[in-house]
Amino acid sequence: MTKLLVNRKEPSRNEIANRQDFETVLVNVRKVKSLNSPWFYGAIAFSSLLILTFLIL
């Protein structure tokens, strides 16, 4: 991807390095626990099949 700077001066290496503060970004991002794990859905599927078999028998 090519970025064009129109009517702007090109940033210096120091300016780019100062803006790349990834530690601060990672600290400020909320950590959300997701239930999108395949283990979660596998356990739900297994338990629902187990319950259905006990209800049928």
N, C-alpha and C. Protein backbone atom coordinates (compact mmCIF):
# COMPACT_ATOMS: atom_id res chain seq x y z
N MET A 1 0.85 -1.17 0.00
CA MET A 1 0.00 0.00 0.00
C MET A 1 0.90 1.24 0.00
N THR A 2 0.59 2.18 -0.83
CA THR A 2 1.36 3.41 -0.92
C THR A 2 0.55 4.54 -0.33
N LYS A 3 1.16 5.28 0.59
CA LYS A 3 0.48 6.41 1.19
C LYS A 3 1.06 7.69 0.60
N LEU A 4 0.19 8.60 0.26
CA LEU A 4 0.62 9.86 -0.31
C LEU A 4 0.43 10.97 0.71
N LEU A 5 1.45 11.77 0.90
CA LEU A 5 1.36 12.93 1.77
C LEU A 5 1.13 14.16 0.90
N VAL A 6 -0.05 14.70 0.98
CA VAL A 6 -0.40 15.86 0.17
C VAL A 6 -0.44 17.07 1.10
N ASN A 7 0.30 18.11 0.74
CA ASN A 7 0.37 19.35 1.51
C ASN A 7 0.83 19.12 2.95
N ARG A 8 1.66 18.11 3.14
CA ARG A 8 2.22 17.84 4.47
C ARG A 8 3.67 17.47 4.30
N LYS A 9 4.47 17.86 5.27
CA LYS A 9 5.86 17.44 5.19
C LYS A 9 5.98 16.01 5.72
N GLU A 10 6.96 15.31 5.24
CA GLU A 10 7.16 13.92 5.63
C GLU A 10 7.63 13.86 7.08
N PRO A 11 7.05 13.00 7.91
CA PRO A 11 7.48 12.92 9.32
C PRO A 11 8.89 12.37 9.44
N SER A 12 9.59 12.84 10.45
CA SER A 12 10.96 12.37 10.67
C SER A 12 10.94 11.03 11.38
N ARG A 13 12.09 10.38 11.43
CA ARG A 13 12.18 9.09 12.12
C ARG A 13 11.89 9.23 13.61
N ASN A 14 12.35 10.32 14.20
CA ASN A 14 12.10 10.53 15.62
C ASN A 14 10.61 10.73 15.90
N GLU A 15 9.93 11.45 15.03
CA GLU A 15 8.50 11.67 15.20
C GLU A 15 7.73 10.36 15.07
N ILE A 16 8.12 9.53 14.15
CA ILE A 16 7.47 8.23 13.98
C ILE A 16 7.73 7.35 15.19
N ALA A 17 8.95 7.35 15.68
CA ALA A 17 9.30 6.54 16.85
C ALA A 17 8.54 7.01 18.09
N ASN A 18 8.34 8.31 18.23
CA ASN A 18 7.60 8.83 19.39
C ASN A 18 6.13 8.46 19.33
N ARG A 19 5.57 8.33 18.15
CA ARG A 19 4.16 7.98 18.02
C ARG A 19 3.90 6.49 18.18
N GLN A 20 4.92 5.68 18.09
CA GLN A 20 4.74 4.24 18.19
C GLN A 20 4.91 3.78 19.64
N ASP A 21 3.99 4.18 20.47
CA ASP A 21 4.00 3.81 21.88
C ASP A 21 2.96 2.71 22.09
N PHE A 22 3.32 1.49 21.74
CA PHE A 22 2.36 0.40 21.77
C PHE A 22 2.04 -0.06 23.19
N GLU A 23 2.95 0.14 24.11
CA GLU A 23 2.69 -0.26 25.50
C GLU A 23 1.52 0.52 26.08
N THR A 24 1.46 1.81 25.82
CA THR A 24 0.36 2.64 26.31
C THR A 24 -0.95 2.22 25.67
N VAL A 25 -0.92 1.89 24.42
CA VAL A 25 -2.13 1.46 23.73
C VAL A 25 -2.63 0.15 24.32
N LEU A 26 -1.73 -0.78 24.56
CA LEU A 26 -2.13 -2.08 25.10
C LEU A 26 -2.66 -1.96 26.52
N VAL A 27 -2.14 -1.03 27.30
CA VAL A 27 -2.63 -0.84 28.67
C VAL A 27 -4.04 -0.28 28.64
N ASN A 28 -4.35 0.59 27.70
CA ASN A 28 -5.64 1.26 27.66
C ASN A 28 -6.73 0.43 26.98
N VAL A 29 -6.38 -0.65 26.32
CA VAL A 29 -7.39 -1.47 25.65
C VAL A 29 -8.04 -2.38 26.68
N ARG A 30 -9.38 -2.41 26.66
CA ARG A 30 -10.09 -3.28 27.59
C ARG A 30 -9.89 -4.73 27.20
N LYS A 31 -9.68 -5.57 28.19
CA LYS A 31 -9.52 -6.99 27.94
C LYS A 31 -10.89 -7.64 28.12
N VAL A 32 -11.40 -8.19 27.03
CA VAL A 32 -12.72 -8.81 27.04
C VAL A 32 -12.54 -10.31 26.91
N LYS A 33 -13.13 -11.04 27.83
CA LYS A 33 -13.08 -12.48 27.73
C LYS A 33 -14.16 -12.92 26.76
N SER A 34 -13.75 -13.68 25.81
CA SER A 34 -14.66 -14.08 24.74
C SER A 34 -15.06 -15.54 24.92
N LEU A 35 -16.31 -15.83 24.57
CA LEU A 35 -16.76 -17.22 24.60
C LEU A 35 -16.69 -17.85 23.23
N ASN A 36 -15.85 -17.32 22.38
CA ASN A 36 -15.74 -17.83 21.02
C ASN A 36 -14.72 -18.96 20.91
N SER A 37 -14.35 -19.53 22.01
CA SER A 37 -13.38 -20.61 22.00
C SER A 37 -14.05 -21.90 21.51
N PRO A 38 -13.38 -22.67 20.68
CA PRO A 38 -13.95 -23.94 20.24
C PRO A 38 -14.18 -24.91 21.40
N TRP A 39 -13.38 -24.79 22.45
CA TRP A 39 -13.56 -25.66 23.62
C TRP A 39 -14.90 -25.38 24.29
N PHE A 40 -15.31 -24.12 24.34
CA PHE A 40 -16.59 -23.77 24.96
C PHE A 40 -17.74 -24.39 24.18
N TYR A 41 -17.74 -24.21 22.87
CA TYR A 41 -18.83 -24.73 22.06
C TYR A 41 -18.80 -26.26 22.01
N GLY A 42 -17.64 -26.85 22.06
CA GLY A 42 -17.55 -28.30 22.11
C GLY A 42 -18.14 -28.85 23.39
N ALA A 43 -17.88 -28.18 24.51
CA ALA A 43 -18.42 -28.63 25.80
C ALA A 43 -19.93 -28.46 25.83
N ILE A 44 -20.44 -27.38 25.27
CA ILE A 44 -21.89 -27.16 25.23
C ILE A 44 -22.55 -28.21 24.36
N ALA A 45 -21.97 -28.50 23.21
CA ALA A 45 -22.54 -29.52 22.32
C ALA A 45 -22.53 -30.89 22.98
N PHE A 46 -21.41 -31.22 23.61
CA PHE A 46 -21.31 -32.54 24.27
C PHE A 46 -22.32 -32.66 25.40
N SER A 47 -22.45 -31.64 26.22
CA SER A 47 -23.37 -31.71 27.35
C SER A 47 -24.82 -31.74 26.87
N SER A 48 -25.15 -31.00 25.81
CA SER A 48 -26.52 -31.04 25.30
C SER A 48 -26.85 -32.41 24.72
N LEU A 49 -25.91 -33.03 24.02
CA LEU A 49 -26.14 -34.38 23.51
C LEU A 49 -26.28 -35.38 24.66
N LEU A 50 -25.51 -35.22 25.69
CA LEU A 50 -25.58 -36.11 26.85
C LEU A 50 -26.94 -35.97 27.54
N ILE A 51 -27.41 -34.75 27.70
CA ILE A 51 -28.72 -34.52 28.33
C ILE A 51 -29.83 -35.10 27.47
N LEU A 52 -29.74 -34.91 26.16
CA LEU A 52 -30.78 -35.46 25.26
C LEU A 52 -30.81 -36.98 25.32
N THR A 53 -29.65 -37.62 25.40
CA THR A 53 -29.65 -39.08 25.47
C THR A 53 -30.24 -39.58 26.79
N PHE A 54 -29.98 -38.86 27.88
CA PHE A 54 -30.57 -39.25 29.17
C PHE A 54 -32.08 -39.01 29.19
N LEU A 55 -32.56 -37.98 28.51
CA LEU A 55 -33.99 -37.71 28.48
C LEU A 55 -34.72 -38.72 27.61
N ILE A 56 -34.10 -39.17 26.54
CA ILE A 56 -34.74 -40.13 25.65
C ILE A 56 -34.77 -41.52 26.28
N LEU A 57 -33.69 -41.88 26.96
CA LEU A 57 -33.64 -43.21 27.58
C LEU A 57 -34.42 -43.14 28.85
